[in-house]
Amino acid sequence: MDHLQEFIQQLLTQRPSDWERLPDFALYMDQVLNYMERQTIHIDEADELTASMVNNYAKTGLLPHPEGKKYNQEHLAYLTAICVLKHVMSGKDIELLIRKEMNDRGNIPQQGYPSFCSSLDHALSATAKEVEGYDKSDRLADAAIHFALLSYASGLVSRQYVTLLRQEMGETPVAKKKKGT
């Protein structure tokens, strides 16, 4: 299971660049896309960021609009968070969390981005340790179910915190559907 060991190593070591290591000069779209390939872990092509995605994130307000056609450190920080979170939450929830974590901390992402990276580091490291218990090829289905259920449980907790955050901010929570309707 060399591939799984390589993956565990990737979980333990691959991290987004610190704020100080993000390029401090403007990048064009193709440079952003190349840079972002190193910011997150990719399993397959579905994980890749495209120019259309970046443009849509800017159009919807999830990402600040580029300055001309150039992107800076702030854009890379936002894109890193978006690329990680899009796998587990809605764009509306991502927008709320980015606004609270990156903007409300002095209105500059360089203060919220390190907190995001620290949480990501902790999550990836804890998951890598958990994966090591499932490194036998005869347990692939068991491992897949185990981690899917962890993802489900963590997603429930995350959605609960988002609901509480929305209530704290005075936003109307989405009404629960009644069973059978």
N, C-alpha and C. Protein backbone atom coordinates (compact mmCIF):
# COMPACT_ATOMS: atom_id res chain seq x y z
N MET A 1 0.83 -1.19 0.00
CA MET A 1 0.00 0.00 0.00
C MET A 1 0.88 1.25 0.00
N ASP A 2 1.84 1.27 -0.90
CA ASP A 2 2.74 2.42 -1.00
C ASP A 2 1.96 3.71 -1.27
N HIS A 3 0.91 3.61 -2.10
CA HIS A 3 0.12 4.79 -2.44
C HIS A 3 -0.51 5.38 -1.18
N LEU A 4 -1.03 4.54 -0.30
CA LEU A 4 -1.64 5.02 0.92
C LEU A 4 -0.60 5.65 1.84
N GLN A 5 0.58 5.07 1.91
CA GLN A 5 1.65 5.66 2.73
C GLN A 5 2.06 7.02 2.20
N GLU A 6 2.11 7.15 0.88
CA GLU A 6 2.42 8.45 0.26
C GLU A 6 1.33 9.47 0.61
N PHE A 7 0.07 9.00 0.59
CA PHE A 7 -1.05 9.88 0.92
C PHE A 7 -0.98 10.33 2.38
N ILE A 8 -0.67 9.40 3.28
CA ILE A 8 -0.53 9.76 4.69
C ILE A 8 0.57 10.80 4.85
N GLN A 9 1.67 10.60 4.14
CA GLN A 9 2.77 11.56 4.20
C GLN A 9 2.34 12.92 3.69
N GLN A 10 1.53 12.91 2.64
CA GLN A 10 1.01 14.17 2.09
C GLN A 10 0.11 14.86 3.13
N LEU A 11 -0.75 14.08 3.80
CA LEU A 11 -1.60 14.66 4.85
C LEU A 11 -0.77 15.27 5.98
N LEU A 12 0.35 14.65 6.27
CA LEU A 12 1.20 15.13 7.36
C LEU A 12 2.06 16.34 6.98
N THR A 13 2.36 16.49 5.70
CA THR A 13 3.34 17.51 5.33
C THR A 13 2.85 18.62 4.40
N GLN A 14 1.89 18.34 3.53
CA GLN A 14 1.50 19.37 2.56
C GLN A 14 0.57 20.38 3.21
N ARG A 15 1.01 21.61 3.25
CA ARG A 15 0.26 22.70 3.86
C ARG A 15 0.28 23.92 2.94
N PRO A 16 -0.76 24.74 3.04
CA PRO A 16 -0.74 25.99 2.28
C PRO A 16 0.40 26.88 2.78
N SER A 17 0.84 27.75 1.92
CA SER A 17 1.88 28.70 2.31
C SER A 17 1.38 29.62 3.40
N ASP A 18 2.29 29.97 4.32
CA ASP A 18 1.98 30.99 5.32
C ASP A 18 1.75 32.31 4.61
N TRP A 19 1.09 33.24 5.30
CA TRP A 19 0.84 34.56 4.71
C TRP A 19 2.13 35.19 4.19
N GLU A 20 3.19 35.09 4.98
CA GLU A 20 4.45 35.71 4.61
C GLU A 20 5.06 35.07 3.35
N ARG A 21 4.68 33.85 3.04
CA ARG A 21 5.23 33.16 1.87
C ARG A 21 4.34 33.26 0.64
N LEU A 22 3.14 33.80 0.82
CA LEU A 22 2.30 34.04 -0.35
C LEU A 22 2.97 35.12 -1.20
N PRO A 23 2.92 35.01 -2.51
CA PRO A 23 3.56 36.03 -3.35
C PRO A 23 3.03 37.42 -3.01
N ASP A 24 3.96 38.36 -2.83
CA ASP A 24 3.56 39.73 -2.50
C ASP A 24 3.57 40.64 -3.73
N PHE A 25 3.37 40.02 -4.88
CA PHE A 25 3.26 40.76 -6.13
C PHE A 25 2.04 40.23 -6.88
N ALA A 26 1.53 41.01 -7.81
CA ALA A 26 0.31 40.65 -8.53
C ALA A 26 0.54 39.48 -9.48
N LEU A 27 -0.47 38.60 -9.53
CA LEU A 27 -0.41 37.43 -10.40
C LEU A 27 -1.57 37.47 -11.40
N TYR A 28 -1.31 36.98 -12.60
CA TYR A 28 -2.37 36.80 -13.59
C TYR A 28 -3.04 35.45 -13.34
N MET A 29 -4.20 35.25 -13.95
CA MET A 29 -5.00 34.06 -13.70
C MET A 29 -4.22 32.76 -13.85
N ASP A 30 -3.47 32.61 -14.93
CA ASP A 30 -2.74 31.34 -15.12
C ASP A 30 -1.71 31.12 -14.01
N GLN A 31 -1.11 32.19 -13.51
CA GLN A 31 -0.16 32.07 -12.40
C GLN A 31 -0.89 31.70 -11.10
N VAL A 32 -2.08 32.26 -10.91
CA VAL A 32 -2.89 31.93 -9.73
C VAL A 32 -3.24 30.44 -9.75
N LEU A 33 -3.69 29.96 -10.90
CA LEU A 33 -4.09 28.55 -11.01
C LEU A 33 -2.90 27.63 -10.74
N ASN A 34 -1.74 27.97 -11.28
CA ASN A 34 -0.53 27.17 -11.03
C ASN A 34 -0.15 27.21 -9.55
N TYR A 35 -0.23 28.37 -8.95
CA TYR A 35 0.13 28.51 -7.54
C TYR A 35 -0.83 27.72 -6.66
N MET A 36 -2.11 27.80 -6.96
CA MET A 36 -3.12 27.14 -6.14
C MET A 36 -3.01 25.62 -6.17
N GLU A 37 -2.40 25.07 -7.19
CA GLU A 37 -2.20 23.61 -7.23
C GLU A 37 -1.36 23.14 -6.05
N ARG A 38 -0.50 23.99 -5.54
CA ARG A 38 0.36 23.63 -4.41
C ARG A 38 -0.26 23.97 -3.05
N GLN A 39 -1.35 24.70 -3.06
CA GLN A 39 -1.94 25.16 -1.81
C GLN A 39 -2.80 24.10 -1.12
N THR A 40 -3.36 23.18 -1.88
CA THR A 40 -4.25 22.17 -1.31
C THR A 40 -3.90 20.79 -1.84
N ILE A 41 -4.40 19.78 -1.16
CA ILE A 41 -4.18 18.39 -1.56
C ILE A 41 -5.24 18.01 -2.60
N HIS A 42 -4.80 17.39 -3.68
CA HIS A 42 -5.70 16.99 -4.76
C HIS A 42 -5.72 15.47 -4.87
N ILE A 43 -6.92 14.91 -4.96
CA ILE A 43 -7.07 13.48 -5.17
C ILE A 43 -7.21 13.20 -6.67
N ASP A 44 -8.00 14.03 -7.34
CA ASP A 44 -8.20 13.84 -8.78
C ASP A 44 -8.51 15.19 -9.43
N GLU A 45 -8.86 15.15 -10.72
CA GLU A 45 -9.09 16.38 -11.47
C GLU A 45 -10.27 17.19 -10.93
N ALA A 46 -11.21 16.54 -10.25
CA ALA A 46 -12.37 17.25 -9.71
C ALA A 46 -11.96 18.27 -8.65
N ASP A 47 -10.77 18.10 -8.07
CA ASP A 47 -10.29 19.00 -7.03
C ASP A 47 -9.59 20.24 -7.59
N GLU A 48 -9.34 20.26 -8.90
CA GLU A 48 -8.59 21.36 -9.49
C GLU A 48 -9.42 22.64 -9.59
N LEU A 49 -8.76 23.74 -9.37
CA LEU A 49 -9.37 25.06 -9.50
C LEU A 49 -9.27 25.50 -10.96
N THR A 50 -10.34 26.08 -11.49
CA THR A 50 -10.34 26.55 -12.88
C THR A 50 -10.56 28.07 -12.90
N ALA A 51 -10.24 28.66 -14.04
CA ALA A 51 -10.46 30.09 -14.21
C ALA A 51 -11.94 30.44 -14.07
N SER A 52 -12.81 29.59 -14.58
CA SER A 52 -14.25 29.82 -14.46
C SER A 52 -14.68 29.85 -13.00
N MET A 53 -14.12 28.95 -12.20
CA MET A 53 -14.46 28.92 -10.78
C MET A 53 -14.02 30.22 -10.11
N VAL A 54 -12.81 30.65 -10.38
CA VAL A 54 -12.30 31.89 -9.78
C VAL A 54 -13.19 33.06 -10.18
N ASN A 55 -13.53 33.13 -11.46
CA ASN A 55 -14.40 34.22 -11.93
C ASN A 55 -15.77 34.18 -11.24
N ASN A 56 -16.32 32.98 -11.09
CA ASN A 56 -17.62 32.86 -10.41
C ASN A 56 -17.53 33.26 -8.94
N TYR A 57 -16.44 32.88 -8.29
CA TYR A 57 -16.26 33.28 -6.88
C TYR A 57 -16.22 34.80 -6.75
N ALA A 58 -15.58 35.46 -7.70
CA ALA A 58 -15.52 36.93 -7.68
C ALA A 58 -16.89 37.53 -8.01
N LYS A 59 -17.59 36.97 -8.99
CA LYS A 59 -18.91 37.48 -9.37
C LYS A 59 -19.90 37.39 -8.22
N THR A 60 -19.83 36.31 -7.47
CA THR A 60 -20.80 36.11 -6.38
C THR A 60 -20.38 36.80 -5.09
N GLY A 61 -19.19 37.39 -5.07
CA GLY A 61 -18.73 38.10 -3.89
C GLY A 61 -18.01 37.23 -2.87
N LEU A 62 -17.83 35.97 -3.19
CA LEU A 62 -17.10 35.08 -2.29
C LEU A 62 -15.61 35.45 -2.27
N LEU A 63 -15.13 35.94 -3.37
CA LEU A 63 -13.74 36.37 -3.55
C LEU A 63 -13.74 37.84 -3.95
N PRO A 64 -12.87 38.66 -3.35
CA PRO A 64 -12.80 40.06 -3.81
C PRO A 64 -12.46 40.11 -5.30
N HIS A 65 -12.98 41.11 -5.96
CA HIS A 65 -12.67 41.26 -7.39
C HIS A 65 -11.18 41.54 -7.58
N PRO A 66 -10.61 41.00 -8.65
CA PRO A 66 -9.19 41.27 -8.90
C PRO A 66 -8.97 42.74 -9.23
N GLU A 67 -7.75 43.17 -9.04
CA GLU A 67 -7.37 44.53 -9.38
C GLU A 67 -6.91 44.51 -10.83
N GLY A 68 -7.78 44.96 -11.70
CA GLY A 68 -7.54 44.77 -13.13
C GLY A 68 -7.74 43.29 -13.40
N LYS A 69 -6.73 42.65 -13.90
CA LYS A 69 -6.78 41.19 -14.07
C LYS A 69 -5.72 40.53 -13.20
N LYS A 70 -5.36 41.21 -12.14
CA LYS A 70 -4.29 40.71 -11.27
C LYS A 70 -4.82 40.37 -9.89
N TYR A 71 -4.21 39.33 -9.32
CA TYR A 71 -4.59 38.80 -8.01
C TYR A 71 -3.42 38.95 -7.05
N ASN A 72 -3.73 39.19 -5.77
CA ASN A 72 -2.67 39.42 -4.79
C ASN A 72 -2.75 38.39 -3.65
N GLN A 73 -2.00 38.64 -2.58
CA GLN A 73 -1.98 37.75 -1.41
C GLN A 73 -3.37 37.52 -0.86
N GLU A 74 -4.14 38.56 -0.76
CA GLU A 74 -5.49 38.45 -0.22
C GLU A 74 -6.32 37.46 -1.04
N HIS A 75 -6.24 37.56 -2.35
CA HIS A 75 -6.97 36.65 -3.22
C HIS A 75 -6.52 35.20 -3.00
N LEU A 76 -5.21 35.00 -2.88
CA LEU A 76 -4.69 33.64 -2.67
C LEU A 76 -5.16 33.07 -1.34
N ALA A 77 -5.21 33.91 -0.32
CA ALA A 77 -5.69 33.44 0.99
C ALA A 77 -7.16 33.04 0.90
N TYR A 78 -7.98 33.89 0.29
CA TYR A 78 -9.39 33.57 0.12
C TYR A 78 -9.55 32.30 -0.71
N LEU A 79 -8.84 32.19 -1.81
CA LEU A 79 -8.96 31.01 -2.68
C LEU A 79 -8.55 29.74 -1.95
N THR A 80 -7.54 29.83 -1.11
CA THR A 80 -7.12 28.65 -0.35
C THR A 80 -8.26 28.18 0.54
N ALA A 81 -8.85 29.11 1.27
CA ALA A 81 -9.97 28.76 2.15
C ALA A 81 -11.15 28.22 1.34
N ILE A 82 -11.47 28.86 0.25
CA ILE A 82 -12.59 28.42 -0.59
C ILE A 82 -12.34 27.02 -1.13
N CYS A 83 -11.14 26.76 -1.63
CA CYS A 83 -10.82 25.45 -2.22
C CYS A 83 -10.91 24.32 -1.20
N VAL A 84 -10.59 24.60 0.04
CA VAL A 84 -10.69 23.58 1.09
C VAL A 84 -12.15 23.42 1.52
N LEU A 85 -12.81 24.52 1.79
CA LEU A 85 -14.16 24.46 2.36
C LEU A 85 -15.24 24.05 1.37
N LYS A 86 -15.02 24.27 0.08
CA LYS A 86 -16.07 23.97 -0.91
C LYS A 86 -16.43 22.49 -0.95
N HIS A 87 -15.56 21.65 -0.43
CA HIS A 87 -15.83 20.22 -0.42
C HIS A 87 -16.84 19.83 0.66
N VAL A 88 -17.04 20.71 1.63
CA VAL A 88 -17.86 20.32 2.77
C VAL A 88 -18.96 21.32 3.13
N MET A 89 -19.03 22.46 2.48
CA MET A 89 -20.08 23.41 2.83
C MET A 89 -20.51 24.24 1.62
N SER A 90 -21.66 24.87 1.80
CA SER A 90 -22.23 25.69 0.73
C SER A 90 -21.45 26.99 0.58
N GLY A 91 -21.60 27.61 -0.58
CA GLY A 91 -20.97 28.90 -0.82
C GLY A 91 -21.44 29.95 0.16
N LYS A 92 -22.72 29.90 0.52
CA LYS A 92 -23.28 30.86 1.48
C LYS A 92 -22.61 30.71 2.84
N ASP A 93 -22.40 29.47 3.27
CA ASP A 93 -21.74 29.24 4.56
C ASP A 93 -20.26 29.61 4.49
N ILE A 94 -19.62 29.32 3.38
CA ILE A 94 -18.22 29.69 3.20
C ILE A 94 -18.08 31.21 3.29
N GLU A 95 -18.97 31.91 2.62
CA GLU A 95 -18.93 33.37 2.63
C GLU A 95 -19.04 33.90 4.05
N LEU A 96 -19.96 33.35 4.83
CA LEU A 96 -20.14 33.77 6.22
C LEU A 96 -18.87 33.53 7.02
N LEU A 97 -18.29 32.35 6.90
CA LEU A 97 -17.11 32.02 7.70
C LEU A 97 -15.88 32.82 7.27
N ILE A 98 -15.74 33.02 5.98
CA ILE A 98 -14.62 33.84 5.51
C ILE A 98 -14.78 35.28 6.02
N ARG A 99 -16.00 35.77 5.93
CA ARG A 99 -16.27 37.13 6.41
C ARG A 99 -15.93 37.25 7.89
N LYS A 100 -16.33 36.28 8.68
CA LYS A 100 -16.08 36.33 10.12
C LYS A 100 -14.62 36.09 10.46
N GLU A 101 -14.01 35.11 9.84
CA GLU A 101 -12.64 34.74 10.19
C GLU A 101 -11.59 35.65 9.57
N MET A 102 -11.77 36.01 8.32
CA MET A 102 -10.73 36.77 7.64
C MET A 102 -10.99 38.27 7.66
N ASN A 103 -12.24 38.67 7.63
CA ASN A 103 -12.53 40.10 7.55
C ASN A 103 -12.77 40.73 8.90
N ASP A 104 -13.47 40.05 9.79
CA ASP A 104 -13.81 40.66 11.07
C ASP A 104 -12.62 40.76 12.02
N ARG A 105 -11.52 40.20 11.67
CA ARG A 105 -10.33 40.28 12.50
C ARG A 105 -9.48 41.46 12.05
N GLY A 106 -10.06 42.62 12.07
CA GLY A 106 -9.32 43.82 11.68
C GLY A 106 -9.45 44.14 10.21
N ASN A 107 -10.37 43.49 9.53
CA ASN A 107 -10.61 43.70 8.11
C ASN A 107 -9.42 43.42 7.21
N ILE A 108 -8.53 42.58 7.68
CA ILE A 108 -7.43 42.18 6.81
C ILE A 108 -7.24 40.66 6.92
N PRO A 109 -7.24 39.97 5.80
CA PRO A 109 -7.13 38.52 5.82
C PRO A 109 -5.82 38.01 6.41
N GLN A 110 -4.80 38.84 6.45
CA GLN A 110 -3.52 38.35 6.97
C GLN A 110 -3.61 38.02 8.46
N GLN A 111 -4.67 38.46 9.14
CA GLN A 111 -4.86 38.08 10.53
C GLN A 111 -5.73 36.84 10.67
N GLY A 112 -6.70 36.63 9.80
CA GLY A 112 -7.57 35.45 9.85
C GLY A 112 -6.99 34.25 9.15
N TYR A 113 -6.19 34.48 8.12
CA TYR A 113 -5.62 33.38 7.34
C TYR A 113 -4.73 32.46 8.18
N PRO A 114 -3.87 32.97 9.05
CA PRO A 114 -3.07 32.06 9.88
C PRO A 114 -3.93 31.17 10.78
N SER A 115 -5.03 31.69 11.30
CA SER A 115 -5.93 30.89 12.11
C SER A 115 -6.54 29.76 11.28
N PHE A 116 -6.94 30.08 10.07
CA PHE A 116 -7.47 29.06 9.15
C PHE A 116 -6.41 27.98 8.89
N CYS A 117 -5.20 28.41 8.59
CA CYS A 117 -4.12 27.45 8.29
C CYS A 117 -3.79 26.58 9.50
N SER A 118 -3.85 27.14 10.68
CA SER A 118 -3.60 26.38 11.90
C SER A 118 -4.67 25.31 12.11
N SER A 119 -5.93 25.67 11.90
CA SER A 119 -7.02 24.70 12.02
C SER A 119 -6.90 23.61 10.97
N LEU A 120 -6.53 23.99 9.76
CA LEU A 120 -6.34 23.01 8.69
C LEU A 120 -5.20 22.06 9.03
N ASP A 121 -4.11 22.58 9.54
CA ASP A 121 -2.97 21.76 9.93
C ASP A 121 -3.39 20.73 10.97
N HIS A 122 -4.12 21.18 11.97
CA HIS A 122 -4.58 20.27 13.02
C HIS A 122 -5.48 19.17 12.44
N ALA A 123 -6.42 19.55 11.59
CA ALA A 123 -7.35 18.58 11.00
C ALA A 123 -6.62 17.56 10.13
N LEU A 124 -5.69 18.02 9.31
CA LEU A 124 -4.96 17.10 8.43
C LEU A 124 -4.06 16.16 9.24
N SER A 125 -3.41 16.68 10.26
CA SER A 125 -2.54 15.84 11.09
C SER A 125 -3.34 14.79 11.85
N ALA A 126 -4.47 15.20 12.43
CA ALA A 126 -5.32 14.24 13.16
C ALA A 126 -5.86 13.17 12.22
N THR A 127 -6.24 13.57 11.02
CA THR A 127 -6.77 12.61 10.06
C THR A 127 -5.69 11.64 9.60
N ALA A 128 -4.48 12.13 9.40
CA ALA A 128 -3.38 11.26 8.99
C ALA A 128 -3.14 10.17 10.03
N LYS A 129 -3.19 10.55 11.29
CA LYS A 129 -3.00 9.56 12.36
C LYS A 129 -4.12 8.53 12.34
N GLU A 130 -5.33 8.98 12.08
CA GLU A 130 -6.48 8.08 12.01
C GLU A 130 -6.36 7.14 10.80
N VAL A 131 -5.85 7.65 9.68
CA VAL A 131 -5.70 6.83 8.47
C VAL A 131 -4.72 5.69 8.72
N GLU A 132 -3.71 5.95 9.52
CA GLU A 132 -2.70 4.91 9.78
C GLU A 132 -3.32 3.65 10.37
N GLY A 133 -4.46 3.75 11.04
CA GLY A 133 -5.14 2.58 11.58
C GLY A 133 -5.89 1.79 10.53
N TYR A 134 -5.98 2.32 9.33
CA TYR A 134 -6.71 1.67 8.23
C TYR A 134 -5.80 1.45 7.03
N ASP A 135 -4.57 1.05 7.25
CA ASP A 135 -3.64 0.93 6.14
C ASP A 135 -3.56 -0.47 5.55
N LYS A 136 -4.53 -1.31 5.83
CA LYS A 136 -4.56 -2.67 5.28
C LYS A 136 -5.47 -2.71 4.06
N SER A 137 -5.02 -3.33 2.99
CA SER A 137 -5.80 -3.36 1.75
C SER A 137 -7.11 -4.12 1.90
N ASP A 138 -7.20 -5.05 2.86
CA ASP A 138 -8.44 -5.81 3.04
C ASP A 138 -9.51 -5.00 3.79
N ARG A 139 -9.19 -3.77 4.18
CA ARG A 139 -10.13 -2.93 4.93
C ARG A 139 -10.47 -1.64 4.19
N LEU A 140 -10.30 -1.62 2.87
CA LEU A 140 -10.54 -0.39 2.12
C LEU A 140 -11.99 0.09 2.24
N ALA A 141 -12.95 -0.81 2.09
CA ALA A 141 -14.36 -0.42 2.19
C ALA A 141 -14.67 0.05 3.61
N ASP A 142 -14.18 -0.66 4.60
CA ASP A 142 -14.39 -0.27 6.00
C ASP A 142 -13.81 1.12 6.26
N ALA A 143 -12.62 1.35 5.75
CA ALA A 143 -11.97 2.66 5.93
C ALA A 143 -12.77 3.76 5.23
N ALA A 144 -13.22 3.50 4.01
CA ALA A 144 -13.99 4.50 3.27
C ALA A 144 -15.27 4.87 4.03
N ILE A 145 -15.96 3.86 4.55
CA ILE A 145 -17.18 4.13 5.32
C ILE A 145 -16.85 4.88 6.60
N HIS A 146 -15.82 4.47 7.29
CA HIS A 146 -15.41 5.14 8.53
C HIS A 146 -15.18 6.63 8.31
N PHE A 147 -14.41 6.96 7.29
CA PHE A 147 -14.09 8.37 7.05
C PHE A 147 -15.28 9.14 6.48
N ALA A 148 -16.14 8.47 5.72
CA ALA A 148 -17.37 9.13 5.26
C ALA A 148 -18.25 9.48 6.46
N LEU A 149 -18.33 8.58 7.42
CA LEU A 149 -19.15 8.84 8.61
C LEU A 149 -18.53 9.93 9.49
N LEU A 150 -17.20 9.96 9.58
CA LEU A 150 -16.55 11.06 10.30
C LEU A 150 -16.85 12.39 9.62
N SER A 151 -16.82 12.38 8.29
CA SER A 151 -17.12 13.59 7.54
C SER A 151 -18.56 14.02 7.78
N TYR A 152 -19.48 13.06 7.79
CA TYR A 152 -20.89 13.35 8.06
C TYR A 152 -21.05 13.97 9.45
N ALA A 153 -20.46 13.34 10.44
CA ALA A 153 -20.58 13.84 11.82
C ALA A 153 -19.96 15.22 11.95
N SER A 154 -18.79 15.42 11.38
CA SER A 154 -18.14 16.73 11.44
C SER A 154 -18.96 17.78 10.69
N GLY A 155 -19.57 17.38 9.59
CA GLY A 155 -20.44 18.29 8.84
C GLY A 155 -21.63 18.74 9.65
N LEU A 156 -22.22 17.81 10.41
CA LEU A 156 -23.34 18.16 11.29
C LEU A 156 -22.91 19.21 12.31
N VAL A 157 -21.76 18.98 12.91
CA VAL A 157 -21.25 19.91 13.91
C VAL A 157 -20.98 21.28 13.28
N SER A 158 -20.35 21.27 12.12
CA SER A 158 -20.05 22.52 11.42
C SER A 158 -21.33 23.29 11.10
N ARG A 159 -22.34 22.58 10.58
CA ARG A 159 -23.61 23.26 10.26
C ARG A 159 -24.27 23.82 11.51
N GLN A 160 -24.14 23.11 12.63
CA GLN A 160 -24.72 23.62 13.88
C GLN A 160 -24.03 24.92 14.29
N TYR A 161 -22.70 24.95 14.19
CA TYR A 161 -21.97 26.17 14.54
C TYR A 161 -22.33 27.32 13.60
N VAL A 162 -22.49 27.02 12.32
CA VAL A 162 -22.89 28.06 11.37
C VAL A 162 -24.28 28.59 11.73
N THR A 163 -25.20 27.70 12.12
CA THR A 163 -26.54 28.12 12.53
C THR A 163 -26.45 29.03 13.75
N LEU A 164 -25.65 28.64 14.73
CA LEU A 164 -25.48 29.47 15.93
C LEU A 164 -24.86 30.82 15.58
N LEU A 165 -23.90 30.82 14.68
CA LEU A 165 -23.27 32.06 14.26
C LEU A 165 -24.28 32.97 13.57
N ARG A 166 -25.10 32.40 12.71
CA ARG A 166 -26.13 33.20 12.03
C ARG A 166 -27.11 33.78 13.04
N GLN A 167 -27.50 33.00 14.04
CA GLN A 167 -28.40 33.50 15.07
C GLN A 167 -27.74 34.64 15.85
N GLU A 168 -26.48 34.46 16.19
CA GLU A 168 -25.73 35.48 16.93
C GLU A 168 -25.65 36.79 16.15
N MET A 169 -25.56 36.66 14.82
CA MET A 169 -25.46 37.84 13.97
C MET A 169 -26.83 38.43 13.62
N GLY A 170 -27.90 37.78 14.10
CA GLY A 170 -29.24 38.28 13.82
C GLY A 170 -29.77 37.89 12.46
N GLU A 171 -29.13 36.96 11.81
CA GLU A 171 -29.62 36.47 10.52
C GLU A 171 -30.67 35.41 10.78
N THR A 172 -31.64 35.37 9.93
CA THR A 172 -32.71 34.40 10.09
C THR A 172 -32.21 33.01 9.71
N PRO A 173 -32.31 32.05 10.64
CA PRO A 173 -31.90 30.70 10.30
C PRO A 173 -32.89 30.06 9.32
N VAL A 174 -32.41 29.14 8.53
CA VAL A 174 -33.25 28.42 7.60
C VAL A 174 -34.18 27.52 8.40
N ALA A 175 -35.48 27.57 8.10
CA ALA A 175 -36.46 26.76 8.83
C ALA A 175 -36.24 25.28 8.54
N LYS A 176 -36.40 24.49 9.59
CA LYS A 176 -36.30 23.05 9.44
C LYS A 176 -37.55 22.51 8.78
N LYS A 177 -37.37 21.56 7.88
CA LYS A 177 -38.50 20.89 7.27
C LYS A 177 -39.04 19.85 8.23
N LYS A 178 -40.35 19.74 8.29
CA LYS A 178 -40.97 18.73 9.13
C LYS A 178 -40.91 17.40 8.40
N LYS A 179 -40.78 16.33 9.17
CA LYS A 179 -40.76 14.99 8.58
C LYS A 179 -42.08 14.75 7.86
N GLY A 180 -41.97 14.14 6.71
CA GLY A 180 -43.16 13.76 5.96
C GLY A 180 -43.73 14.86 5.08
N THR A 181 -43.04 16.01 4.99
CA THR A 181 -43.54 17.09 4.13
C THR A 181 -42.63 17.31 2.97
